[in-house]
N, C-alpha and C. Protein backbone atom coordinates (compact mmCIF):
# COMPACT_ATOMS: atom_id res chain seq x y z
N UNK A 1 1.18 -41.23 -3.63
CA UNK A 1 1.58 -39.84 -2.62
C UNK A 1 1.37 -39.34 -3.09
N UNK A 2 0.22 -38.38 -2.18
CA UNK A 2 0.08 -37.12 -2.47
C UNK A 2 1.30 -35.57 -2.01
N UNK A 3 1.20 -35.38 -2.82
CA UNK A 3 2.38 -33.67 -2.94
C UNK A 3 1.51 -33.21 -1.99
N UNK A 4 2.48 -32.10 -1.34
CA UNK A 4 1.94 -30.96 -0.58
C UNK A 4 3.28 -30.18 -0.56
N UNK A 5 2.47 -28.50 -0.87
CA UNK A 5 3.16 -27.27 -1.24
C UNK A 5 3.46 -27.09 -0.21
N UNK A 6 5.19 -26.92 -0.19
CA UNK A 6 5.48 -25.98 0.82
C UNK A 6 5.39 -24.56 1.76
N UNK A 7 5.90 -24.88 2.35
CA UNK A 7 4.46 -22.59 2.65
C UNK A 7 5.61 -21.77 2.84
N UNK A 8 5.70 -21.05 2.23
CA UNK A 8 6.28 -20.20 2.02
C UNK A 8 6.88 -19.17 3.81
N UNK A 9 8.15 -19.25 3.80
CA UNK A 9 8.22 -18.54 5.17
C UNK A 9 7.93 -17.41 5.23
N UNK A 10 8.37 -17.08 6.24
CA UNK A 10 8.59 -14.60 7.02
C UNK A 10 9.95 -14.17 6.31
N UNK A 11 10.42 -15.31 5.74
CA UNK A 11 11.61 -14.41 5.08
C UNK A 11 10.97 -14.26 3.80
N UNK A 12 10.39 -15.32 2.68
CA UNK A 12 9.70 -14.52 1.85
C UNK A 12 9.35 -13.99 1.57
N UNK A 13 8.30 -13.22 2.12
CA UNK A 13 7.62 -12.12 2.57
C UNK A 13 8.56 -11.14 1.86
N UNK A 14 9.82 -11.75 2.80
CA UNK A 14 10.60 -9.93 3.28
C UNK A 14 11.51 -9.69 2.25
N UNK A 15 11.00 -10.88 0.79
CA UNK A 15 12.50 -10.35 -0.61
C UNK A 15 10.85 -9.75 -1.31
N UNK A 16 9.87 -9.62 -1.15
CA UNK A 16 8.77 -8.99 -1.74
C UNK A 16 9.65 -7.18 -1.70
N UNK A 17 9.46 -6.61 -2.93
CA UNK A 17 10.04 -5.14 -2.90
C UNK A 17 9.48 -4.80 -2.55
N UNK A 18 9.93 -3.92 -1.94
CA UNK A 18 8.75 -2.38 -1.18
C UNK A 18 8.63 -1.01 -1.92
N UNK A 19 7.96 -0.27 -1.46
CA UNK A 19 7.88 1.07 -1.85
C UNK A 19 7.52 1.63 -0.41
N UNK A 20 8.70 2.45 -0.27
CA UNK A 20 8.12 2.39 1.14
C UNK A 20 7.31 4.25 0.90
N UNK A 21 5.96 4.29 2.48
CA UNK A 21 5.25 5.66 1.60
C UNK A 21 5.75 6.79 2.23
N UNK A 22 6.41 6.73 2.86
CA UNK A 22 7.94 8.10 4.32
C UNK A 22 6.64 8.04 5.54
N UNK A 23 5.46 7.04 5.42
CA UNK A 23 4.70 7.36 6.70
C UNK A 23 4.99 6.49 7.95
N UNK A 24 5.51 6.56 8.30
CA UNK A 24 7.05 5.88 9.53
C UNK A 24 5.96 4.98 10.03
N UNK A 25 4.67 5.33 10.86
CA UNK A 25 3.94 3.76 11.33
C UNK A 25 3.13 2.79 9.96
N UNK A 26 3.33 3.23 9.24
CA UNK A 26 2.48 2.36 8.22
C UNK A 26 3.63 1.58 7.45
N UNK A 27 4.75 2.61 7.67
CA UNK A 27 5.94 1.19 6.91
C UNK A 27 6.94 0.31 7.75
N UNK A 28 6.47 0.81 8.51
CA UNK A 28 6.85 -0.26 10.57
C UNK A 28 5.73 -1.59 9.82
N UNK A 29 5.01 -1.02 10.13
CA UNK A 29 4.10 -2.38 10.21
C UNK A 29 3.50 -2.77 8.53
N UNK A 30 3.78 -2.84 8.10
CA UNK A 30 4.12 -3.52 6.62
C UNK A 30 5.37 -3.81 6.19
N UNK A 31 6.19 -3.75 7.44
CA UNK A 31 7.13 -4.01 7.26
C UNK A 31 8.10 -3.75 5.97
N UNK A 32 8.22 -2.86 5.27
CA UNK A 32 8.82 -1.67 4.56
C UNK A 32 8.00 -0.20 3.81
N UNK A 33 6.55 -0.39 3.88
CA UNK A 33 6.28 -0.07 2.99
C UNK A 33 4.92 -1.12 2.46
N UNK A 34 4.45 -0.34 0.45
CA UNK A 34 3.58 -0.80 -0.22
C UNK A 34 4.60 -2.21 -1.35
N UNK A 35 3.27 -2.39 -1.77
CA UNK A 35 3.74 -3.49 -2.43
C UNK A 35 4.57 -2.91 -4.22
N UNK A 36 6.15 -2.82 -4.09
CA UNK A 36 6.82 -2.28 -5.46
C UNK A 36 6.18 -2.73 -6.64
N UNK A 37 5.35 -2.27 -7.67
CA UNK A 37 5.14 -2.11 -8.78
C UNK A 37 4.16 -3.70 -9.15
N UNK A 38 3.10 -3.35 -7.97
CA UNK A 38 1.91 -4.00 -7.48
C UNK A 38 0.88 -2.81 -7.23
N UNK A 39 -0.66 -3.11 -8.15
CA UNK A 39 -1.95 -2.42 -7.77
C UNK A 39 -2.30 -2.44 -6.19
N UNK A 40 -2.25 -1.64 -5.67
CA UNK A 40 -2.11 -1.85 -4.32
C UNK A 40 -3.98 -1.65 -3.97
N UNK A 41 -5.26 -1.95 -3.36
CA UNK A 41 -6.73 -1.72 -3.02
C UNK A 41 -6.85 -1.13 -1.43
N UNK A 42 -7.27 -0.35 -1.99
CA UNK A 42 -7.55 0.09 -0.20
C UNK A 42 -8.85 0.77 0.21
N UNK A 43 -9.28 0.06 0.85
CA UNK A 43 -10.52 0.41 1.21
C UNK A 43 -10.92 0.42 2.72
N UNK A 44 -12.22 0.97 2.49
CA UNK A 44 -12.62 1.16 4.85
C UNK A 44 -14.19 2.13 4.35
N UNK A 45 -14.32 2.27 5.66
CA UNK A 45 -15.39 3.04 5.80
C UNK A 45 -15.91 4.52 5.75
N UNK A 46 -16.12 5.45 5.09
CA UNK A 46 -15.86 7.26 5.44
C UNK A 46 -15.70 7.18 6.99
N UNK A 47 -14.51 8.28 6.39
CA UNK A 47 -13.69 8.67 7.85
C UNK A 47 -12.54 8.02 7.53
N UNK A 48 -12.26 6.79 7.40
CA UNK A 48 -11.06 5.49 7.76
C UNK A 48 -9.75 5.97 7.55
N UNK A 49 -9.68 6.99 6.93
CA UNK A 49 -8.62 7.39 6.61
C UNK A 49 -7.81 7.14 5.18
N UNK A 50 -8.64 6.84 4.38
CA UNK A 50 -8.07 6.31 2.92
C UNK A 50 -7.80 7.09 2.45
N UNK A 51 -8.69 8.77 2.12
CA UNK A 51 -7.40 9.27 1.68
C UNK A 51 -6.07 9.97 1.86
N UNK A 52 -6.67 10.48 3.29
CA UNK A 52 -4.85 10.90 4.26
C UNK A 52 -3.99 10.25 3.40
N UNK A 53 -4.29 9.09 3.21
CA UNK A 53 -3.16 8.52 3.08
C UNK A 53 -2.64 8.03 2.27
N UNK A 54 -3.77 8.23 1.00
CA UNK A 54 -3.56 8.33 -0.52
C UNK A 54 -2.47 10.07 -0.75
N UNK A 55 -2.45 10.67 -0.52
CA UNK A 55 -2.06 11.65 -0.26
C UNK A 55 -1.24 11.99 0.79
N UNK A 56 -0.69 11.35 1.72
CA UNK A 56 -0.05 11.39 2.89
C UNK A 56 1.53 10.94 1.49
N UNK A 57 1.24 10.02 0.83
CA UNK A 57 1.71 8.87 -0.32
C UNK A 57 2.33 9.53 -1.14
N UNK A 58 1.38 10.70 -1.44
CA UNK A 58 1.34 11.02 -3.16
C UNK A 58 2.75 12.40 -2.70
N UNK A 59 2.22 13.16 -1.01
CA UNK A 59 3.38 14.09 -1.20
C UNK A 59 4.72 13.37 -0.26
N UNK A 60 5.09 12.26 0.64
CA UNK A 60 5.96 11.71 0.45
C UNK A 60 6.91 11.42 -0.64
N UNK A 61 6.06 11.27 -1.99
CA UNK A 61 6.59 10.51 -2.99
C UNK A 61 7.35 11.64 -3.85
N UNK A 62 6.84 12.70 -3.76
CA UNK A 62 7.23 14.05 -4.85
C UNK A 62 8.26 14.15 -3.92
N UNK A 63 8.30 14.94 -2.55
CA UNK A 63 9.39 14.98 -2.31
C UNK A 63 10.67 14.29 -1.73
N UNK A 64 9.98 13.17 -0.27
CA UNK A 64 11.34 12.20 0.32
C UNK A 64 12.09 11.60 -1.15
N UNK A 65 10.85 11.02 -2.23
CA UNK A 65 11.62 9.81 -2.94
C UNK A 65 11.68 10.59 -4.45
N UNK A 66 11.01 11.83 -5.03
CA UNK A 66 11.58 12.42 -6.39
C UNK A 66 10.78 11.35 -7.45
N UNK A 67 9.48 11.38 -6.79
CA UNK A 67 8.24 10.78 -8.07
C UNK A 67 7.15 10.96 -8.90
N UNK A 68 6.93 10.48 -8.93
CA UNK A 68 5.22 11.25 -9.91
C UNK A 68 4.02 10.60 -9.46
N UNK A 69 3.31 11.25 -9.18
CA UNK A 69 2.14 10.44 -8.91
C UNK A 69 1.03 11.40 -9.58
N UNK A 70 -0.36 10.47 -9.28
CA UNK A 70 -1.61 10.72 -9.88
C UNK A 70 -3.11 10.08 -8.60
N UNK A 71 -3.40 11.91 -7.85
CA UNK A 71 -4.58 10.65 -7.27
C UNK A 71 -5.91 11.10 -7.39
N UNK A 72 -6.68 9.58 -8.03
CA UNK A 72 -8.13 9.64 -8.43
C UNK A 72 -8.83 10.35 -7.27
N UNK A 73 -10.30 10.31 -7.23
CA UNK A 73 -11.23 9.93 -6.17
C UNK A 73 -12.81 9.87 -7.29
N UNK A 74 -13.35 9.07 -6.64
CA UNK A 74 -14.50 8.41 -7.44
C UNK A 74 -15.63 8.21 -6.15
N UNK A 75 -16.43 9.07 -5.96
CA UNK A 75 -17.79 9.02 -5.77
C UNK A 75 -19.30 8.59 -6.24
N UNK A 76 -19.91 7.61 -5.12
CA UNK A 76 -21.03 7.71 -5.54
C UNK A 76 -21.98 8.11 -4.62
N UNK A 77 -23.67 8.61 -5.49
CA UNK A 77 -24.41 8.38 -3.97
C UNK A 77 -24.57 6.86 -3.18
N UNK A 78 -25.83 7.38 -2.47
CA UNK A 78 -26.72 6.29 -1.95
C UNK A 78 -27.26 4.90 -2.77
N UNK A 79 -27.72 5.91 -3.48
CA UNK A 79 -28.19 5.03 -4.51
C UNK A 79 -28.14 4.30 -5.20
N UNK A 80 -26.95 4.75 -6.09
CA UNK A 80 -25.85 3.60 -6.94
C UNK A 80 -25.19 2.32 -6.26
């Protein structure tokens, strides 16, 4: 007999601790913000709002939640 892995329920995902971004619409669609104590990759094409999301997250973290933060940005030429 083959063992099957039980599917995780929607309530399991809600147990994941979240770090609110302070960005109302974003926190709503992510059910509370970004996963706490985890790395989150934000990717997208130029002009899609990645930098604005990061800056808003840092500003809200500093002002609303008294959290420290660091913003790092990297750039490549088209040839790279």
